[in-house]
PDB file of N, CA and C in Angstrom:
ATOM      1  N   MET A   1     -15.338  25.311  -2.216  1.00  0.00           N
ATOM      2  CA  MET A   1     -14.434  25.191  -2.991  1.00  0.00           C
ATOM      3  C   MET A   1     -12.749  25.208  -2.143  1.00  0.00           C
ATOM      4  N   LEU A   2     -11.829  24.557  -2.983  1.00  0.00           N
ATOM      5  CA  LEU A   2     -11.338  24.008  -1.532  1.00  0.00           C
ATOM      6  C   LEU A   2      -9.668  24.397  -1.973  1.00  0.00           C
ATOM      7  N   ILE A   3      -8.701  25.321  -1.996  1.00  0.00           N
ATOM      8  CA  ILE A   3      -6.959  25.923  -2.470  1.00  0.00           C
ATOM      9  C   ILE A   3      -6.659  25.702  -1.382  1.00  0.00           C
ATOM     10  N   ARG A   4      -5.526  24.814  -1.709  1.00  0.00           N
ATOM     11  CA  ARG A   4      -4.053  24.569  -0.806  1.00  0.00           C
ATOM     12  C   ARG A   4      -2.968  24.116  -1.490  1.00  0.00           C
ATOM     13  N   PRO A   5      -1.870  25.243  -0.805  1.00  0.00           N
ATOM     14  CA  PRO A   5      -0.752  24.586  -1.278  1.00  0.00           C
ATOM     15  C   PRO A   5      -0.211  23.506  -1.582  1.00  0.00           C
ATOM     16  N   ALA A   6       1.008  22.742  -2.797  1.00  0.00           N
ATOM     17  CA  ALA A   6       1.202  21.973  -2.121  1.00  0.00           C
ATOM     18  C   ALA A   6       2.621  22.236  -1.736  1.00  0.00           C
ATOM     19  N   ASP A   7       3.209  21.761  -0.389  1.00  0.00           N
ATOM     20  CA  ASP A   7       4.250  23.109   0.392  1.00  0.00           C
ATOM     21  C   ASP A   7       4.689  21.817   0.717  1.00  0.00           C
ATOM     22  N   PRO A   8       6.351  21.490   0.503  1.00  0.00           N
ATOM     23  CA  PRO A   8       6.812  20.576   1.380  1.00  0.00           C
ATOM     24  C   PRO A   8       7.380  21.105   3.182  1.00  0.00           C
ATOM     25  N   ASN A   9       7.140  22.116   2.990  1.00  0.00           N
ATOM     26  CA  ASN A   9       6.969  22.262   4.940  1.00  0.00           C
ATOM     27  C   ASN A   9       5.743  22.379   5.343  1.00  0.00           C
ATOM     28  N   THR A  10       4.610  22.092   5.132  1.00  0.00           N
ATOM     29  CA  THR A  10       3.996  21.081   6.017  1.00  0.00           C
ATOM     30  C   THR A  10       2.746  19.853   5.691  1.00  0.00           C
ATOM     31  N   THR A  11       4.155  18.767   4.938  1.00  0.00           N
ATOM     32  CA  THR A  11       4.177  17.728   4.932  1.00  0.00           C
ATOM     33  C   THR A  11       4.477  17.002   6.791  1.00  0.00           C
ATOM     34  N   THR A  12       4.265  15.920   6.919  1.00  0.00           N
ATOM     35  CA  THR A  12       4.023  15.157   8.129  1.00  0.00           C
ATOM     36  C   THR A  12       4.956  13.782   7.446  1.00  0.00           C
ATOM     37  N   PRO A  13       6.247  13.776   8.281  1.00  0.00           N
ATOM     38  CA  PRO A  13       6.426  11.944   8.681  1.00  0.00           C
ATOM     39  C   PRO A  13       5.378  11.378   8.357  1.00  0.00           C
ATOM     40  N   VAL A  14       5.761  10.228   6.946  1.00  0.00           N
ATOM     41  CA  VAL A  14       5.233   8.806   7.402  1.00  0.00           C
ATOM     42  C   VAL A  14       6.462   7.798   7.976  1.00  0.00           C
ATOM     43  N   GLU A  15       5.770   6.560   8.374  1.00  0.00           N
ATOM     44  CA  GLU A  15       6.203   5.170   8.104  1.00  0.00           C
ATOM     45  C   GLU A  15       7.082   4.130   7.508  1.00  0.00           C
ATOM     46  N   MET A  16       8.435   5.765   7.097  1.00  0.00           N
ATOM     47  CA  MET A  16       9.375   5.386   5.894  1.00  0.00           C
ATOM     48  C   MET A  16      10.482   6.021   5.653  1.00  0.00           C
ATOM     49  N   GLU A  17      11.035   5.576   5.312  1.00  0.00           N
ATOM     50  CA  GLU A  17      12.430   5.899   5.563  1.00  0.00           C
ATOM     51  C   GLU A  17      12.804   7.371   4.643  1.00  0.00           C
ATOM     52  N   ASP A  18      12.870   8.747   5.536  1.00  0.00           N
ATOM     53  CA  ASP A  18      12.722  10.014   4.712  1.00  0.00           C
ATOM     54  C   ASP A  18      12.241  10.329   4.100  1.00  0.00           C
ATOM     55  N   VAL A  19      10.755  10.045   4.314  1.00  0.00           N
ATOM     56  CA  VAL A  19       9.457  10.675   3.412  1.00  0.00           C
ATOM     57  C   VAL A  19       8.876  11.081   4.249  1.00  0.00           C
ATOM     58  N   SER A  20       7.498  12.198   3.217  1.00  0.00           N
ATOM     59  CA  SER A  20       6.740  12.894   4.545  1.00  0.00           C
ATOM     60  C   SER A  20       5.244  12.757   3.318  1.00  0.00           C
ATOM     61  N   MET A  21       4.575  13.533   4.159  1.00  0.00           N
ATOM     62  CA  MET A  21       2.951  13.454   3.150  1.00  0.00           C
ATOM     63  C   MET A  21       2.231  14.898   3.605  1.00  0.00           C
ATOM     64  N   GLN A  22       1.369  14.990   2.717  1.00  0.00           N
ATOM     65  CA  GLN A  22       0.718  16.001   3.069  1.00  0.00           C
ATOM     66  C   GLN A  22      -1.041  15.908   2.551  1.00  0.00           C
ATOM     67  N   VAL A  23      -1.921  15.653   3.039  1.00  0.00           N
ATOM     68  CA  VAL A  23      -3.101  14.917   1.720  1.00  0.00           C
ATOM     69  C   VAL A  23      -4.023  16.713   1.386  1.00  0.00           C
ATOM     70  N   MET A  24      -3.678  16.574   0.406  1.00  0.00           N
ATOM     71  CA  MET A  24      -3.787  17.973  -0.821  1.00  0.00           C
ATOM     72  C   MET A  24      -5.274  18.398  -0.827  1.00  0.00           C
ATOM     73  N   VAL A  25      -7.032  16.992  -0.895  1.00  0.00           N
ATOM     74  CA  VAL A  25      -7.839  17.093  -1.099  1.00  0.00           C
ATOM     75  C   VAL A  25      -8.596  15.427  -1.024  1.00  0.00           C
ATOM     76  N   GLY A  26      -8.769  14.931   0.353  1.00  0.00           N
ATOM     77  CA  GLY A  26      -9.223  14.278   1.031  1.00  0.00           C
ATOM     78  C   GLY A  26     -10.657  14.144   2.067  1.00  0.00           C
ATOM     79  N   ARG A  27     -11.100  12.525   2.265  1.00  0.00           N
ATOM     80  CA  ARG A  27     -12.418  12.438   3.184  1.00  0.00           C
ATOM     81  C   ARG A  27     -12.309  13.124   4.106  1.00  0.00           C
ATOM     82  N   GLU A  28     -11.424  14.182   5.099  1.00  0.00           N
ATOM     83  CA  GLU A  28     -11.754  15.114   5.968  1.00  0.00           C
ATOM     84  C   GLU A  28     -11.944  16.857   4.915  1.00  0.00           C
ATOM     85  N   ASP A  29     -12.226  16.915   3.724  1.00  0.00           N
ATOM     86  CA  ASP A  29     -12.604  17.272   3.504  1.00  0.00           C
ATOM     87  C   ASP A  29     -13.450  17.352   2.198  1.00  0.00           C
ATOM     88  N   ASN A  30     -14.516  15.955   2.864  1.00  0.00           N
ATOM     89  CA  ASN A  30     -15.650  15.546   2.694  1.00  0.00           C
ATOM     90  C   ASN A  30     -16.102  14.942   0.483  1.00  0.00           C
ATOM     91  N   ALA A  31     -14.480  15.091   0.346  1.00  0.00           N
ATOM     92  CA  ALA A  31     -14.486  14.432  -1.125  1.00  0.00           C
ATOM     93  C   ALA A  31     -14.791  13.316  -1.370  1.00  0.00           C
ATOM     94  N   PRO A  32     -15.614  12.825  -2.215  1.00  0.00           N
ATOM     95  CA  PRO A  32     -16.476  11.829  -2.068  1.00  0.00           C
ATOM     96  C   PRO A  32     -15.934  10.250  -2.763  1.00  0.00           C
ATOM     97  N   HIS A  33     -15.030  10.703  -3.320  1.00  0.00           N
ATOM     98  CA  HIS A  33     -14.679   9.256  -4.281  1.00  0.00           C
ATOM     99  C   HIS A  33     -12.821   9.323  -4.642  1.00  0.00           C
ATOM    100  N   PHE A  34     -12.030  10.392  -3.912  1.00  0.00           N
ATOM    101  CA  PHE A  34     -10.844  10.318  -4.682  1.00  0.00           C
ATOM    102  C   PHE A  34     -10.072  11.790  -4.058  1.00  0.00           C
ATOM    103  N   SER A  35      -8.845  11.025  -3.430  1.00  0.00           N
ATOM    104  CA  SER A  35      -8.125  11.868  -2.546  1.00  0.00           C
ATOM    105  C   SER A  35      -6.055  12.505  -3.216  1.00  0.00           C
ATOM    106  N   LEU A  36      -5.781  13.809  -2.980  1.00  0.00           N
ATOM    107  CA  LEU A  36      -4.601  13.943  -4.258  1.00  0.00           C
ATOM    108  C   LEU A  36      -3.526  13.988  -2.656  1.00  0.00           C
ATOM    109  N   ARG A  37      -3.055  13.681  -2.544  1.00  0.00           N
ATOM    110  CA  ARG A  37      -1.730  13.704  -1.725  1.00  0.00           C
ATOM    111  C   ARG A  37      -0.410  14.018  -2.245  1.00  0.00           C
ATOM    112  N   HIS A  38       0.640  14.403  -1.699  1.00  0.00           N
ATOM    113  CA  HIS A  38       2.261  15.336  -2.097  1.00  0.00           C
ATOM    114  C   HIS A  38       2.660  14.369  -1.050  1.00  0.00           C
ATOM    115  N   PHE A  39       4.194  13.726  -1.743  1.00  0.00           N
ATOM    116  CA  PHE A  39       5.091  13.107  -1.084  1.00  0.00           C
ATOM    117  C   PHE A  39       5.936  14.122  -1.368  1.00  0.00           C
ATOM    118  N   VAL A  40       7.229  13.899  -0.545  1.00  0.00           N
ATOM    119  CA  VAL A  40       8.100  14.495  -0.808  1.00  0.00           C
ATOM    120  C   VAL A  40       9.445  13.737   0.098  1.00  0.00           C
ATOM    121  N   VAL A  41      10.234  13.062  -0.547  1.00  0.00           N
ATOM    122  CA  VAL A  41      11.282  12.183  -0.209  1.00  0.00           C
ATOM    123  C   VAL A  41      12.685  12.348  -0.486  1.00  0.00           C
ATOM    124  N   GLN A  42      13.246  12.080   0.635  1.00  0.00           N
ATOM    125  CA  GLN A  42      14.525  13.578   0.774  1.00  0.00           C
ATOM    126  C   GLN A  42      15.598  12.529  -0.022  1.00  0.00           C
ATOM    127  N   PRO A  43      16.363  12.923  -0.077  1.00  0.00           N
ATOM    128  CA  PRO A  43      18.069  11.928  -0.801  1.00  0.00           C
ATOM    129  C   PRO A  43      18.067  11.325  -0.346  1.00  0.00           C
ATOM    130  N   GLY A  44      18.223  10.248  -1.049  1.00  0.00           N
ATOM    131  CA  GLY A  44      18.762   9.117  -0.505  1.00  0.00           C
ATOM    132  C   GLY A  44      17.218   8.168   0.211  1.00  0.00           C
ATOM    133  N   GLY A  45      16.047   8.807   0.395  1.00  0.00           N
ATOM    134  CA  GLY A  45      15.351   8.108   0.774  1.00  0.00           C
ATOM    135  C   GLY A  45      14.178   7.120  -0.307  1.00  0.00           C
ATOM    136  N   HIS A  46      13.611   6.427   0.607  1.00  0.00           N
ATOM    137  CA  HIS A  46      12.629   5.403  -0.483  1.00  0.00           C
ATOM    138  C   HIS A  46      11.654   5.045   0.454  1.00  0.00           C
ATOM    139  N   THR A  47      10.262   5.141  -0.195  1.00  0.00           N
ATOM    140  CA  THR A  47       8.996   4.486   0.298  1.00  0.00           C
ATOM    141  C   THR A  47       9.513   2.873   0.191  1.00  0.00           C
ATOM    142  N   PRO A  48       8.523   2.265   1.155  1.00  0.00           N
ATOM    143  CA  PRO A  48       9.141   0.097   0.940  1.00  0.00           C
ATOM    144  C   PRO A  48       8.251  -0.110  -0.789  1.00  0.00           C
ATOM    145  N   ARG A  49       8.764  -1.276  -0.709  1.00  0.00           N
ATOM    146  CA  ARG A  49       8.618  -2.125  -1.662  1.00  0.00           C
ATOM    147  C   ARG A  49       6.933  -2.744  -0.849  1.00  0.00           C
ATOM    148  N   HIS A  50       5.941  -2.512  -2.189  1.00  0.00           N
ATOM    149  CA  HIS A  50       4.227  -2.595  -1.424  1.00  0.00           C
ATOM    150  C   HIS A  50       3.819  -2.478  -2.638  1.00  0.00           C
ATOM    151  N   GLN A  51       2.258  -3.366  -1.988  1.00  0.00           N
ATOM    152  CA  GLN A  51       1.079  -3.175  -2.617  1.00  0.00           C
ATOM    153  C   GLN A  51       0.089  -3.272  -2.099  1.00  0.00           C
ATOM    154  N   HIS A  52      -1.305  -3.276  -3.077  1.00  0.00           N
ATOM    155  CA  HIS A  52      -1.769  -3.514  -2.277  1.00  0.00           C
ATOM    156  C   HIS A  52      -3.335  -2.922  -3.235  1.00  0.00           C
ATOM    157  N   ASN A  53      -4.609  -2.716  -3.120  1.00  0.00           N
ATOM    158  CA  ASN A  53      -5.568  -3.264  -3.929  1.00  0.00           C
ATOM    159  C   ASN A  53      -6.378  -2.558  -4.733  1.00  0.00           C
ATOM    160  N   TYR A  54      -6.183  -1.617  -4.821  1.00  0.00           N
ATOM    161  CA  TYR A  54      -5.892  -0.027  -5.637  1.00  0.00           C
ATOM    162  C   TYR A  54      -5.012   0.568  -6.395  1.00  0.00           C
ATOM    163  N   GLU A  55      -5.324   0.832  -7.384  1.00  0.00           N
ATOM    164  CA  GLU A  55      -5.218   1.525  -8.070  1.00  0.00           C
ATOM    165  C   GLU A  55      -4.457   3.104  -8.078  1.00  0.00           C
ATOM    166  N   HIS A  56      -3.201   3.353  -8.181  1.00  0.00           N
ATOM    167  CA  HIS A  56      -3.078   4.930  -8.033  1.00  0.00           C
ATOM    168  C   HIS A  56      -1.577   5.667  -8.947  1.00  0.00           C
ATOM    169  N   GLU A  57      -2.309   7.081  -9.583  1.00  0.00           N
ATOM    170  CA  GLU A  57      -2.261   7.934 -10.563  1.00  0.00           C
ATOM    171  C   GLU A  57      -1.297   8.783 -10.036  1.00  0.00           C
ATOM    172  N   ASN A  58       0.307   9.063 -10.054  1.00  0.00           N
ATOM    173  CA  ASN A  58       1.266   9.825 -10.013  1.00  0.00           C
ATOM    174  C   ASN A  58       1.899  11.323 -10.823  1.00  0.00           C
ATOM    175  N   TYR A  59       1.999  12.272 -10.592  1.00  0.00           N
ATOM    176  CA  TYR A  59       2.559  13.348 -10.801  1.00  0.00           C
ATOM    177  C   TYR A  59       4.386  13.574 -10.712  1.00  0.00           C
ATOM    178  N   ILE A  60       5.063  13.897 -11.154  1.00  0.00           N
ATOM    179  CA  ILE A  60       6.514  14.496 -10.683  1.00  0.00           C
ATOM    180  C   ILE A  60       6.323  16.659 -10.383  1.00  0.00           C
ATOM    181  N   ILE A  61       6.745  16.726  -9.750  1.00  0.00           N
ATOM    182  CA  ILE A  61       6.158  17.898  -9.652  1.00  0.00           C
ATOM    183  C   ILE A  61       7.818  18.431  -9.782  1.00  0.00           C
ATOM    184  N   GLU A  62       8.821  18.267  -8.591  1.00  0.00           N
ATOM    185  CA  GLU A  62      10.242  18.189  -8.907  1.00  0.00           C
ATOM    186  C   GLU A  62      11.141  17.275  -8.443  1.00  0.00           C
ATOM    187  N   GLY A  63      12.230  17.270  -9.284  1.00  0.00           N
ATOM    188  CA  GLY A  63      12.816  16.498  -9.013  1.00  0.00           C
ATOM    189  C   GLY A  63      13.719  14.831  -9.744  1.00  0.00           C
ATOM    190  N   THR A  64      13.981  14.278  -9.106  1.00  0.00           N
ATOM    191  CA  THR A  64      14.144  12.449 -10.148  1.00  0.00           C
ATOM    192  C   THR A  64      14.179  12.113  -8.908  1.00  0.00           C
ATOM    193  N   GLY A  65      14.315  10.392 -10.128  1.00  0.00           N
ATOM    194  CA  GLY A  65      14.357   9.213  -9.230  1.00  0.00           C
ATOM    195  C   GLY A  65      14.616   8.170  -9.760  1.00  0.00           C
ATOM    196  N   THR A  66      13.572   7.234  -9.265  1.00  0.00           N
ATOM    197  CA  THR A  66      13.589   5.565 -10.048  1.00  0.00           C
ATOM    198  C   THR A  66      12.460   5.305  -9.246  1.00  0.00           C
ATOM    199  N   ILE A  67      11.429   4.669  -9.806  1.00  0.00           N
ATOM    200  CA  ILE A  67      10.145   3.655  -9.599  1.00  0.00           C
ATOM    201  C   ILE A  67      10.722   2.627 -10.615  1.00  0.00           C
ATOM    202  N   GLU A  68      10.082   1.583  -9.565  1.00  0.00           N
ATOM    203  CA  GLU A  68      10.447   0.163  -9.968  1.00  0.00           C
ATOM    204  C   GLU A  68       8.387  -0.316  -9.521  1.00  0.00           C
ATOM    205  N   CYS A  69       7.920  -0.841 -10.201  1.00  0.00           N
ATOM    206  CA  CYS A  69       6.656  -1.349 -10.607  1.00  0.00           C
ATOM    207  C   CYS A  69       6.607  -2.556 -11.108  1.00  0.00           C
ATOM    208  N   ASP A  70       6.837  -3.359 -10.445  1.00  0.00           N
ATOM    209  CA  ASP A  70       6.189  -5.128 -10.607  1.00  0.00           C
ATOM    210  C   ASP A  70       7.642  -6.025 -11.869  1.00  0.00           C
ATOM    211  N   GLY A  71       8.878  -5.541 -10.674  1.00  0.00           N
ATOM    212  CA  GLY A  71       9.827  -5.745 -11.302  1.00  0.00           C
ATOM    213  C   GLY A  71      10.526  -4.464 -12.260  1.00  0.00           C
ATOM    214  N   GLU A  72       9.967  -3.839 -13.037  1.00  0.00           N
ATOM    215  CA  GLU A  72      10.630  -2.754 -13.746  1.00  0.00           C
ATOM    216  C   GLU A  72      11.210  -1.476 -13.025  1.00  0.00           C
ATOM    217  N   ILE A  73      11.937  -1.348 -13.072  1.00  0.00           N
ATOM    218  CA  ILE A  73      12.791   0.176 -13.147  1.00  0.00           C
ATOM    219  C   ILE A  73      13.001   1.065 -13.920  1.00  0.00           C
ATOM    220  N   GLU A  74      11.773   1.661 -13.609  1.00  0.00           N
ATOM    221  CA  GLU A  74      12.254   2.914 -14.564  1.00  0.00           C
ATOM    222  C   GLU A  74      12.955   4.422 -13.813  1.00  0.00           C
ATOM    223  N   ASN A  75      13.408   5.989 -14.904  1.00  0.00           N
ATOM    224  CA  ASN A  75      14.318   6.721 -14.275  1.00  0.00           C
ATOM    225  C   ASN A  75      12.734   7.746 -14.143  1.00  0.00           C
ATOM    226  N   ILE A  76      12.039   8.766 -13.425  1.00  0.00           N
ATOM    227  CA  ILE A  76      11.248   9.109 -12.919  1.00  0.00           C
ATOM    228  C   ILE A  76      11.853  10.547 -13.299  1.00  0.00           C
ATOM    229  N   GLN A  77      11.615  11.709 -13.443  1.00  0.00           N
ATOM    230  CA  GLN A  77      11.512  13.222 -13.623  1.00  0.00           C
ATOM    231  C   GLN A  77      10.477  14.352 -13.445  1.00  0.00           C
ATOM    232  N   ALA A  78      10.253  15.544 -12.590  1.00  0.00           N
ATOM    233  CA  ALA A  78       9.696  16.249 -13.092  1.00  0.00           C
ATOM    234  C   ALA A  78       9.005  16.262 -13.989  1.00  0.00           C
ATOM    235  N   GLY A  79       7.365  16.901 -13.949  1.00  0.00           N
ATOM    236  CA  GLY A  79       6.761  16.472 -15.012  1.00  0.00           C
ATOM    237  C   GLY A  79       6.268  15.306 -15.995  1.00  0.00           C
ATOM    238  N   ASP A  80       6.858  14.247 -15.025  1.00  0.00           N
ATOM    239  CA  ASP A  80       6.271  12.783 -15.846  1.00  0.00           C
ATOM    240  C   ASP A  80       5.017  12.250 -14.395  1.00  0.00           C
ATOM    241  N   THR A  81       4.140  11.125 -15.552  1.00  0.00           N
ATOM    242  CA  THR A  81       3.139  11.073 -14.801  1.00  0.00           C
ATOM    243  C   THR A  81       3.290   9.324 -15.029  1.00  0.00           C
ATOM    244  N   PHE A  82       2.589   8.761 -14.446  1.00  0.00           N
ATOM    245  CA  PHE A  82       3.271   7.667 -14.241  1.00  0.00           C
ATOM    246  C   PHE A  82       1.852   6.277 -13.524  1.00  0.00           C
ATOM    247  N   TYR A  83       1.244   5.532 -14.249  1.00  0.00           N
ATOM    248  CA  TYR A  83      -0.171   4.868 -13.655  1.00  0.00           C
ATOM    249  C   TYR A  83       0.136   3.095 -12.182  1.00  0.00           C
ATOM    250  N   ILE A  84       0.014   3.395 -11.498  1.00  0.00           N
ATOM    251  CA  ILE A  84       1.046   1.661 -10.825  1.00  0.00           C
ATOM    252  C   ILE A  84      -0.773   1.475 -10.317  1.00  0.00           C
ATOM    253  N   PRO A  85      -1.009  -0.104 -11.400  1.00  0.00           N
ATOM    254  CA  PRO A  85      -2.176  -0.675 -11.362  1.00  0.00           C
ATOM    255  C   PRO A  85      -2.109  -1.612 -10.219  1.00  0.00           C
ATOM    256  N   ALA A  86      -3.420  -1.430  -9.780  1.00  0.00           N
ATOM    257  CA  ALA A  86      -3.415  -2.106  -7.998  1.00  0.00           C
ATOM    258  C   ALA A  86      -2.571  -3.634  -8.570  1.00  0.00           C
ATOM    259  N   ASN A  87      -2.439  -4.263  -6.779  1.00  0.00           N
ATOM    260  CA  ASN A  87      -1.548  -5.409  -6.668  1.00  0.00           C
ATOM    261  C   ASN A  87      -0.474  -5.050  -7.773  1.00  0.00           C
ATOM    262  N   LYS A  88      -0.093  -4.769  -7.158  1.00  0.00           N
ATOM    263  CA  LYS A  88       1.513  -4.936  -8.257  1.00  0.00           C
ATOM    264  C   LYS A  88       2.412  -3.720  -6.980  1.00  0.00           C
ATOM    265  N   ILE A  89       3.852  -4.685  -6.767  1.00  0.00           N
ATOM    266  CA  ILE A  89       5.032  -4.896  -5.952  1.00  0.00           C
ATOM    267  C   ILE A  89       4.980  -2.962  -6.789  1.00  0.00           C
ATOM    268  N   HIS A  90       5.588  -1.986  -5.982  1.00  0.00           N
ATOM    269  CA  HIS A  90       6.259  -1.459  -6.868  1.00  0.00           C
ATOM    270  C   HIS A  90       7.116  -0.135  -5.373  1.00  0.00           C
ATOM    271  N   GLN A  91       8.264   0.780  -5.494  1.00  0.00           N
ATOM    272  CA  GLN A  91       8.806   1.339  -4.508  1.00  0.00           C
ATOM    273  C   GLN A  91       9.185   1.788  -5.619  1.00  0.00           C
ATOM    274  N   PHE A  92       8.719   3.898  -4.947  1.00  0.00           N
ATOM    275  CA  PHE A  92       9.794   4.792  -5.270  1.00  0.00           C
ATOM    276  C   PHE A  92      10.862   5.262  -4.963  1.00  0.00           C
ATOM    277  N   ARG A  93      11.996   5.520  -5.467  1.00  0.00           N
ATOM    278  CA  ARG A  93      13.211   5.793  -5.073  1.00  0.00           C
ATOM    279  C   ARG A  93      14.215   7.662  -4.943  1.00  0.00           C
ATOM    280  N   ASN A  94      14.856   7.972  -4.473  1.00  0.00           N
ATOM    281  CA  ASN A  94      15.248   9.430  -5.134  1.00  0.00           C
ATOM    282  C   ASN A  94      16.866   9.390  -5.198  1.00  0.00           C
ATOM    283  N   ASN A  95      17.236   8.937  -5.415  1.00  0.00           N
ATOM    284  CA  ASN A  95      18.378   8.588  -5.895  1.00  0.00           C
ATOM    285  C   ASN A  95      19.249  10.132  -6.423  1.00  0.00           C
ATOM    286  N   SER A  96      18.716  10.782  -6.717  1.00  0.00           N
ATOM    287  CA  SER A  96      19.720  12.668  -6.444  1.00  0.00           C
ATOM    288  C   SER A  96      19.844  13.045  -4.774  1.00  0.00           C
ATOM    289  N   ASP A  97      20.174  13.928  -5.039  1.00  0.00           N
ATOM    290  CA  ASP A  97      20.620  14.946  -3.563  1.00  0.00           C
ATOM    291  C   ASP A  97      20.252  16.253  -3.605  1.00  0.00           C
ATOM    292  N   GLN A  98      18.519  15.733  -4.422  1.00  0.00           N
ATOM    293  CA  GLN A  98      17.381  16.977  -3.806  1.00  0.00           C
ATOM    294  C   GLN A  98      16.575  16.576  -3.948  1.00  0.00           C
ATOM    295  N   PRO A  99      15.334  16.776  -3.138  1.00  0.00           N
ATOM    296  CA  PRO A  99      13.896  15.916  -3.137  1.00  0.00           C
ATOM    297  C   PRO A  99      13.217  15.885  -4.028  1.00  0.00           C
ATOM    298  N   LEU A 100      12.602  15.102  -4.192  1.00  0.00           N
ATOM    299  CA  LEU A 100      11.006  13.938  -5.069  1.00  0.00           C
ATOM    300  C   LEU A 100      10.124  14.391  -3.893  1.00  0.00           C
ATOM    301  N   ARG A 101       9.384  15.077  -5.335  1.00  0.00           N
ATOM    302  CA  ARG A 101       8.081  14.732  -4.800  1.00  0.00           C
ATOM    303  C   ARG A 101       7.111  15.184  -5.664  1.00  0.00           C
ATOM    304  N   PHE A 102       6.012  14.671  -5.391  1.00  0.00           N
ATOM    305  CA  PHE A 102       4.857  13.341  -6.594  1.00  0.00           C
ATOM    306  C   PHE A 102       3.734  14.252  -5.747  1.00  0.00           C
ATOM    307  N   LEU A 103       2.585  13.752  -6.768  1.00  0.00           N
ATOM    308  CA  LEU A 103       1.359  14.020  -6.048  1.00  0.00           C
ATOM    309  C   LEU A 103       1.046  12.609  -6.316  1.00  0.00           C
ATOM    310  N   CYS A 104      -0.115  12.131  -5.846  1.00  0.00           N
ATOM    311  CA  CYS A 104      -0.376  10.975  -5.940  1.00  0.00           C
ATOM    312  C   CYS A 104      -1.970  10.419  -5.732  1.00  0.00           C
ATOM    313  N   LEU A 105      -2.771  10.365  -6.532  1.00  0.00           N
ATOM    314  CA  LEU A 105      -4.168  10.247  -7.128  1.00  0.00           C
ATOM    315  C   LEU A 105      -4.596   8.704  -6.095  1.00  0.00           C
ATOM    316  N   VAL A 106      -5.423   8.723  -5.744  1.00  0.00           N
ATOM    317  CA  VAL A 106      -5.889   7.392  -4.330  1.00  0.00           C
ATOM    318  C   VAL A 106      -7.579   7.272  -4.453  1.00  0.00           C
ATOM    319  N   PRO A 107      -8.114   6.144  -4.171  1.00  0.00           N
ATOM    320  CA  PRO A 107      -9.086   6.515  -3.152  1.00  0.00           C
ATOM    321  C   PRO A 107      -9.342   7.160  -2.072  1.00  0.00           C
ATOM    322  N   THR A 108     -10.764   7.423  -1.648  1.00  0.00           N
ATOM    323  CA  THR A 108     -10.766   8.106  -0.822  1.00  0.00           C
ATOM    324  C   THR A 108     -10.339   7.408   0.453  1.00  0.00           C
ATOM    325  N   THR A 109     -11.162   6.190   0.420  1.00  0.00           N
ATOM    326  CA  THR A 109     -10.684   5.341   2.056  1.00  0.00           C
ATOM    327  C   THR A 109      -9.367   5.157   2.046  1.00  0.00           C
ATOM    328  N   PHE A 110      -8.164   5.307   0.910  1.00  0.00           N
ATOM    329  CA  PHE A 110      -7.288   5.233   1.543  1.00  0.00           C
ATOM    330  C   PHE A 110      -6.274   6.478   2.057  1.00  0.00           C
ATOM    331  N   ASP A 111      -7.126   6.994   1.254  1.00  0.00           N
ATOM    332  CA  ASP A 111      -5.802   9.044   1.873  1.00  0.00           C
ATOM    333  C   ASP A 111      -4.900   8.919   2.882  1.00  0.00           C
ATOM    334  N   GLY A 112      -5.070   7.675   4.281  1.00  0.00           N
ATOM    335  CA  GLY A 112      -4.509   8.441   5.148  1.00  0.00           C
ATOM    336  C   GLY A 112      -3.596   7.159   5.392  1.00  0.00           C
ATOM    337  N   ASP A 113      -3.841   6.311   4.489  1.00  0.00           N
ATOM    338  CA  ASP A 113      -3.286   4.875   4.752  1.00  0.00           C
ATOM    339  C   ASP A 113      -1.327   4.954   4.954  1.00  0.00           C
ATOM    340  N   GLN A 114      -1.444   4.963   6.018  1.00  0.00           N
ATOM    341  CA  GLN A 114       0.403   5.114   6.740  1.00  0.00           C
ATOM    342  C   GLN A 114       0.741   3.657   6.396  1.00  0.00           C
ATOM    343  N   ALA A 115      -0.183   2.502   5.738  1.00  0.00           N
ATOM    344  CA  ALA A 115       0.484   1.361   5.952  1.00  0.00           C
ATOM    345  C   ALA A 115       1.118   1.259   4.305  1.00  0.00           C
ATOM    346  N   THR A 116       0.744   1.703   3.521  1.00  0.00           N
ATOM    347  CA  THR A 116       0.702   1.903   2.714  1.00  0.00           C
ATOM    348  C   THR A 116       1.418   3.187   1.158  1.00  0.00           C
ATOM    349  N   PRO A 117       1.681   4.035   2.060  1.00  0.00           N
ATOM    350  CA  PRO A 117       2.713   4.999   1.343  1.00  0.00           C
ATOM    351  C   PRO A 117       3.189   5.415   0.407  1.00  0.00           C
ATOM    352  N   GLY A 118       3.375   6.298  -0.587  1.00  0.00           N
ATOM    353  CA  GLY A 118       3.887   6.289  -2.034  1.00  0.00           C
ATOM    354  C   GLY A 118       3.418   5.699  -2.592  1.00  0.00           C
ATOM    355  N   SER A 119       2.144   5.333  -2.126  1.00  0.00           N
ATOM    356  CA  SER A 119       0.729   4.395  -3.194  1.00  0.00           C
ATOM    357  C   SER A 119       0.619   4.926  -4.240  1.00  0.00           C
TER     358      SER A 119
END
């Protein structure tokens, strides 16, 4: 069994503007299929507009912002869950004055992929 807190103080910067990440459970923990990542987007920060060939599911822990997916922009807030299909261009943006924290579930083979963060 593995227990690890989602702690914004233990995230590490990724190659994005004002974004950090912590792998909660992943391939280094011998997870065979899925990885759970914890992202913190600072006020005014955002992930790049990007796409990749895998789906991911997200849960907003704290804060507010927007998600753009396939040209559609929606407001997001703590408690929201959403699905990003594979190959859809998407971006997370924090337009507030508080950190935006979310969990992101991806295939284990992509749990440390710095080229497509916020995925």
